[in-house]
Amino acid sequence: MKGIICLLFILHCVLISYAGYNSYTQETYSSSSSSASGWSDYSYSIREGSCSGRKVVQEDIVLEGQEYTIRKRNYSWMSRGMYRISCVRVTNNMLKNAAETRITEGGLGYDYVKIEMTSKNSKGLDFTVEIWGEENSSRSNIAVIANTVNREIFVGGEKYCKCS
């Protein structure tokens, strides 16, 4: 009987510690966020603008979950003046409440965008980023580069190559 009571007490302590850790990590993350509102400016997925013009980016962002860790990935794309962004779509391929995303800079009407993707505690990331653009009238033939580990280069809106 003493053994069962001892195990129940230990289980109770572990559950209290885990709940305290979860609330601490979310409060710490929210207070260190660049915005005063914390998690409130994040969305499950993003779809802004009319997806017309040329699709200049389609890329999957995947990070495996790690126990007791919040995973974060910043994604940036610049057209170097070739395109003005007409649509940004960031699709969350995970279950609801596993990860969230937001646009931190640029976006619709700009020639660049910065996107932040953040997982919940112990969860991973699995997003598909798609960007459409309208060609600028003073367009050059410089390649458009998606600025991540697996880079895809587009020339004139057509996929040129995928580089590692």
C-alpha atoms as a PDB file:
ATOM      1  CA  MET A   1       0.000   0.000   0.000  1.00  0.00           C
ATOM      2  CA  LYS A   2       2.858   2.372   0.862  1.00  0.00           C
ATOM      3  CA  GLY A   3       4.396   1.682  -2.546  1.00  0.00           C
ATOM      4  CA  ILE A   4       1.216   2.660  -4.416  1.00  0.00           C
ATOM      5  CA  ILE A   5       0.861   5.883  -2.408  1.00  0.00           C
ATOM      6  CA  CYS A   6       4.533   6.695  -3.066  1.00  0.00           C
ATOM      7  CA  LEU A   7       4.075   6.122  -6.841  1.00  0.00           C
ATOM      8  CA  LEU A   8       0.944   8.294  -6.907  1.00  0.00           C
ATOM      9  CA  PHE A   9       2.821  11.070  -5.111  1.00  0.00           C
ATOM     10  CA  ILE A  10       5.717  10.888  -7.598  1.00  0.00           C
ATOM     11  CA  LEU A  11       3.285  10.912 -10.553  1.00  0.00           C
ATOM     12  CA  HIS A  12       1.509  13.932  -9.067  1.00  0.00           C
ATOM     13  CA  CYS A  13       4.846  15.816  -8.707  1.00  0.00           C
ATOM     14  CA  VAL A  14       5.874  14.981 -12.286  1.00  0.00           C
ATOM     15  CA  LEU A  15       2.558  16.238 -13.717  1.00  0.00           C
ATOM     16  CA  ILE A  16       2.779  19.496 -11.746  1.00  0.00           C
ATOM     17  CA  SER A  17       6.374  20.019 -12.925  1.00  0.00           C
ATOM     18  CA  TYR A  18       5.448  19.378 -16.570  1.00  0.00           C
ATOM     19  CA  ALA A  19       2.482  21.791 -16.452  1.00  0.00           C
ATOM     20  CA  GLY A  20       4.707  24.470 -14.885  1.00  0.00           C
ATOM     21  CA  TYR A  21       7.369  23.933 -17.565  1.00  0.00           C
ATOM     22  CA  ASN A  22       4.820  24.280 -20.408  1.00  0.00           C
ATOM     23  CA  SER A  23       3.428  27.545 -19.076  1.00  0.00           C
ATOM     24  CA  TYR A  24       6.950  28.864 -18.407  1.00  0.00           C
ATOM     25  CA  THR A  25       8.150  28.160 -21.974  1.00  0.00           C
ATOM     26  CA  GLN A  26       5.089  29.810 -23.543  1.00  0.00           C
ATOM     27  CA  GLU A  27       5.390  32.879 -21.279  1.00  0.00           C
ATOM     28  CA  THR A  28       9.120  33.133 -21.967  1.00  0.00           C
ATOM     29  CA  TYR A  29       8.597  32.868 -25.716  1.00  0.00           C
ATOM     30  CA  SER A  30       5.756  35.400 -25.703  1.00  0.00           C
ATOM     31  CA  SER A  31       7.711  37.938 -23.672  1.00  0.00           C
ATOM     32  CA  SER A  32      10.773  37.622 -25.910  1.00  0.00           C
ATOM     33  CA  SER A  33       8.688  38.022 -29.077  1.00  0.00           C
ATOM     34  CA  SER A  34       9.192  41.201 -31.060  1.00  0.00           C
ATOM     35  CA  SER A  35       5.535  42.155 -30.702  1.00  0.00           C
ATOM     36  CA  ALA A  36       3.814  43.038 -27.477  1.00  0.00           C
ATOM     37  CA  SER A  37       0.845  40.817 -28.292  1.00  0.00           C
ATOM     38  CA  GLY A  38       2.822  37.538 -28.197  1.00  0.00           C
ATOM     39  CA  TRP A  39       1.073  34.670 -29.987  1.00  0.00           C
ATOM     40  CA  SER A  40      -1.930  36.737 -31.100  1.00  0.00           C
ATOM     41  CA  ASP A  41      -0.461  37.889 -34.437  1.00  0.00           C
ATOM     42  CA  TYR A  42       0.240  34.304 -35.557  1.00  0.00           C
ATOM     43  CA  SER A  43      -2.082  32.304 -37.809  1.00  0.00           C
ATOM     44  CA  TYR A  44      -2.506  28.600 -38.474  1.00  0.00           C
ATOM     45  CA  SER A  45      -2.016  29.288 -42.215  1.00  0.00           C
ATOM     46  CA  ILE A  46      -1.725  32.450 -44.335  1.00  0.00           C
ATOM     47  CA  ARG A  47      -3.427  33.353 -47.595  1.00  0.00           C
ATOM     48  CA  GLU A  48      -3.119  36.986 -48.613  1.00  0.00           C
ATOM     49  CA  GLY A  49      -3.830  38.549 -51.989  1.00  0.00           C
ATOM     50  CA  SER A  50      -5.099  37.223 -55.302  1.00  0.00           C
ATOM     51  CA  CYS A  51      -2.974  34.358 -56.508  1.00  0.00           C
ATOM     52  CA  SER A  52      -2.507  35.705 -60.030  1.00  0.00           C
ATOM     53  CA  GLY A  53       0.584  36.363 -62.076  1.00  0.00           C
ATOM     54  CA  ARG A  54       3.441  33.902 -61.964  1.00  0.00           C
ATOM     55  CA  LYS A  55       4.088  31.449 -59.190  1.00  0.00           C
ATOM     56  CA  VAL A  56       7.690  32.293 -58.331  1.00  0.00           C
ATOM     57  CA  VAL A  57       8.153  30.124 -55.219  1.00  0.00           C
ATOM     58  CA  GLN A  58       6.838  26.802 -53.991  1.00  0.00           C
ATOM     59  CA  GLU A  59       8.863  25.294 -51.186  1.00  0.00           C
ATOM     60  CA  ASP A  60       8.278  22.877 -48.315  1.00  0.00           C
ATOM     61  CA  ILE A  61       9.677  23.796 -44.896  1.00  0.00           C
ATOM     62  CA  VAL A  62       9.925  20.756 -42.594  1.00  0.00           C
ATOM     63  CA  LEU A  63      11.505  20.493 -39.147  1.00  0.00           C
ATOM     64  CA  GLU A  64      11.043  17.452 -36.923  1.00  0.00           C
ATOM     65  CA  GLY A  65       9.718  18.018 -33.413  1.00  0.00           C
ATOM     66  CA  GLN A  66      12.036  17.757 -30.427  1.00  0.00           C
ATOM     67  CA  GLU A  67      10.847  16.997 -26.927  1.00  0.00           C
ATOM     68  CA  TYR A  68      10.433  20.116 -24.720  1.00  0.00           C
ATOM     69  CA  THR A  69      11.576  22.392 -27.571  1.00  0.00           C
ATOM     70  CA  ILE A  70       9.849  25.104 -29.584  1.00  0.00           C
ATOM     71  CA  ARG A  71      11.072  24.921 -33.200  1.00  0.00           C
ATOM     72  CA  LYS A  72      11.351  28.133 -35.207  1.00  0.00           C
ATOM     73  CA  ARG A  73      12.238  28.852 -38.830  1.00  0.00           C
ATOM     74  CA  ASN A  74      12.574  32.212 -40.561  1.00  0.00           C
ATOM     75  CA  TYR A  75      12.043  32.201 -44.300  1.00  0.00           C
ATOM     76  CA  SER A  76      12.872  35.109 -46.592  1.00  0.00           C
ATOM     77  CA  TRP A  77      12.465  35.684 -50.311  1.00  0.00           C
ATOM     78  CA  MET A  78      13.521  38.643 -52.469  1.00  0.00           C
ATOM     79  CA  SER A  79      12.798  39.191 -56.147  1.00  0.00           C
ATOM     80  CA  ARG A  80      15.485  41.861 -56.491  1.00  0.00           C
ATOM     81  CA  GLY A  81      13.013  44.126 -58.282  1.00  0.00           C
ATOM     82  CA  MET A  82      11.782  41.555 -60.824  1.00  0.00           C
ATOM     83  CA  TYR A  83       8.359  40.953 -59.233  1.00  0.00           C
ATOM     84  CA  ARG A  84       5.866  42.719 -57.016  1.00  0.00           C
ATOM     85  CA  ILE A  85       4.234  40.129 -54.720  1.00  0.00           C
ATOM     86  CA  SER A  86       0.536  39.591 -55.512  1.00  0.00           C
ATOM     87  CA  CYS A  87      -0.132  36.571 -53.271  1.00  0.00           C
ATOM     88  CA  VAL A  88       1.492  34.831 -50.292  1.00  0.00           C
ATOM     89  CA  ARG A  89       0.179  31.447 -49.267  1.00  0.00           C
ATOM     90  CA  VAL A  90       1.719  29.556 -46.326  1.00  0.00           C
ATOM     91  CA  THR A  91      -0.115  26.259 -45.825  1.00  0.00           C
ATOM     92  CA  ASN A  92       0.242  24.426 -42.526  1.00  0.00           C
ATOM     93  CA  ASN A  93       0.430  20.689 -43.229  1.00  0.00           C
ATOM     94  CA  MET A  94       0.305  19.778 -39.513  1.00  0.00           C
ATOM     95  CA  LEU A  95      -2.624  19.210 -37.176  1.00  0.00           C
ATOM     96  CA  LYS A  96      -4.315  22.304 -35.762  1.00  0.00           C
ATOM     97  CA  ASN A  97      -2.446  23.982 -32.894  1.00  0.00           C
ATOM     98  CA  ALA A  98       0.856  22.252 -33.724  1.00  0.00           C
ATOM     99  CA  ALA A  99       2.487  25.280 -35.387  1.00  0.00           C
ATOM    100  CA  GLU A 100       1.719  28.853 -36.426  1.00  0.00           C
ATOM    101  CA  THR A 101       3.082  31.396 -38.876  1.00  0.00           C
ATOM    102  CA  ARG A 102       3.139  35.128 -39.555  1.00  0.00           C
ATOM    103  CA  ILE A 103       4.576  37.624 -42.033  1.00  0.00           C
ATOM    104  CA  THR A 104       7.149  39.791 -40.248  1.00  0.00           C
ATOM    105  CA  GLU A 105       8.241  42.058 -43.139  1.00  0.00           C
ATOM    106  CA  GLY A 106       7.240  42.876 -46.707  1.00  0.00           C
ATOM    107  CA  GLY A 107       4.496  40.835 -48.368  1.00  0.00           C
ATOM    108  CA  LEU A 108       1.754  42.060 -50.696  1.00  0.00           C
ATOM    109  CA  GLY A 109       2.882  44.914 -52.940  1.00  0.00           C
ATOM    110  CA  TYR A 110       6.559  44.529 -51.992  1.00  0.00           C
ATOM    111  CA  ASP A 111       9.340  42.722 -53.827  1.00  0.00           C
ATOM    112  CA  TYR A 112      10.302  40.726 -50.698  1.00  0.00           C
ATOM    113  CA  VAL A 113       8.711  38.868 -47.809  1.00  0.00           C
ATOM    114  CA  LYS A 114       9.934  37.511 -44.472  1.00  0.00           C
ATOM    115  CA  ILE A 115       7.908  34.763 -42.814  1.00  0.00           C
ATOM    116  CA  GLU A 116       8.311  33.342 -39.323  1.00  0.00           C
ATOM    117  CA  MET A 117       7.099  29.807 -38.552  1.00  0.00           C
ATOM    118  CA  THR A 118       6.935  28.606 -34.944  1.00  0.00           C
ATOM    119  CA  SER A 119       5.922  25.260 -33.487  1.00  0.00           C
ATOM    120  CA  LYS A 120       4.225  24.621 -30.206  1.00  0.00           C
ATOM    121  CA  ASN A 121       6.222  22.908 -27.460  1.00  0.00           C
ATOM    122  CA  SER A 122       7.541  19.462 -28.560  1.00  0.00           C
ATOM    123  CA  LYS A 123       5.949  19.773 -32.052  1.00  0.00           C
ATOM    124  CA  GLY A 124       7.539  20.082 -35.484  1.00  0.00           C
ATOM    125  CA  LEU A 125       7.003  22.298 -38.534  1.00  0.00           C
ATOM    126  CA  ASP A 126       5.566  21.302 -41.910  1.00  0.00           C
ATOM    127  CA  PHE A 127       4.627  24.270 -44.104  1.00  0.00           C
ATOM    128  CA  THR A 128       4.329  24.825 -47.849  1.00  0.00           C
ATOM    129  CA  VAL A 129       5.302  28.368 -48.886  1.00  0.00           C
ATOM    130  CA  GLU A 130       3.927  29.660 -52.194  1.00  0.00           C
ATOM    131  CA  ILE A 131       4.480  33.152 -53.598  1.00  0.00           C
ATOM    132  CA  TRP A 132       2.989  34.703 -56.738  1.00  0.00           C
ATOM    133  CA  GLY A 133       4.246  37.887 -58.354  1.00  0.00           C
ATOM    134  CA  GLU A 134       3.403  40.366 -61.077  1.00  0.00           C
ATOM    135  CA  GLU A 135       6.345  41.283 -63.282  1.00  0.00           C
ATOM    136  CA  ASN A 136       7.716  44.797 -62.879  1.00  0.00           C
ATOM    137  CA  SER A 137       7.934  46.824 -66.093  1.00  0.00           C
ATOM    138  CA  SER A 138      11.677  47.438 -65.650  1.00  0.00           C
ATOM    139  CA  ARG A 139      12.468  43.732 -65.268  1.00  0.00           C
ATOM    140  CA  SER A 140      15.963  42.293 -65.583  1.00  0.00           C
ATOM    141  CA  ASN A 141      16.971  38.653 -66.214  1.00  0.00           C
ATOM    142  CA  ILE A 142      18.542  38.170 -62.778  1.00  0.00           C
ATOM    143  CA  ALA A 143      17.613  34.837 -61.178  1.00  0.00           C
ATOM    144  CA  VAL A 144      15.188  34.831 -58.260  1.00  0.00           C
ATOM    145  CA  ILE A 145      16.501  32.862 -55.307  1.00  0.00           C
ATOM    146  CA  ALA A 146      14.497  31.358 -52.428  1.00  0.00           C
ATOM    147  CA  ASN A 147      16.724  32.055 -49.426  1.00  0.00           C
ATOM    148  CA  THR A 148      16.706  28.721 -47.552  1.00  0.00           C
ATOM    149  CA  VAL A 149      18.823  25.583 -47.303  1.00  0.00           C
ATOM    150  CA  ASN A 150      17.309  23.989 -50.438  1.00  0.00           C
ATOM    151  CA  ARG A 151      17.338  26.817 -52.956  1.00  0.00           C
ATOM    152  CA  GLU A 152      15.238  26.905 -56.087  1.00  0.00           C
ATOM    153  CA  ILE A 153      16.264  29.365 -58.774  1.00  0.00           C
ATOM    154  CA  PHE A 154      13.648  30.899 -61.068  1.00  0.00           C
ATOM    155  CA  VAL A 155      14.406  32.843 -64.248  1.00  0.00           C
ATOM    156  CA  GLY A 156      11.534  34.751 -65.798  1.00  0.00           C
ATOM    157  CA  GLY A 157       9.071  32.949 -63.524  1.00  0.00           C
ATOM    158  CA  GLU A 158      10.106  29.465 -64.669  1.00  0.00           C
ATOM    159  CA  LYS A 159      11.937  27.011 -62.421  1.00  0.00           C
ATOM    160  CA  TYR A 160      15.552  26.912 -63.572  1.00  0.00           C
ATOM    161  CA  CYS A 161      17.112  24.501 -61.070  1.00  0.00           C
ATOM    162  CA  LYS A 162      17.058  23.212 -57.505  1.00  0.00           C
ATOM    163  CA  CYS A 163      20.371  23.680 -55.719  1.00  0.00           C
ATOM    164  CA  SER A 164      21.554  22.176 -52.432  1.00  0.00           C
END
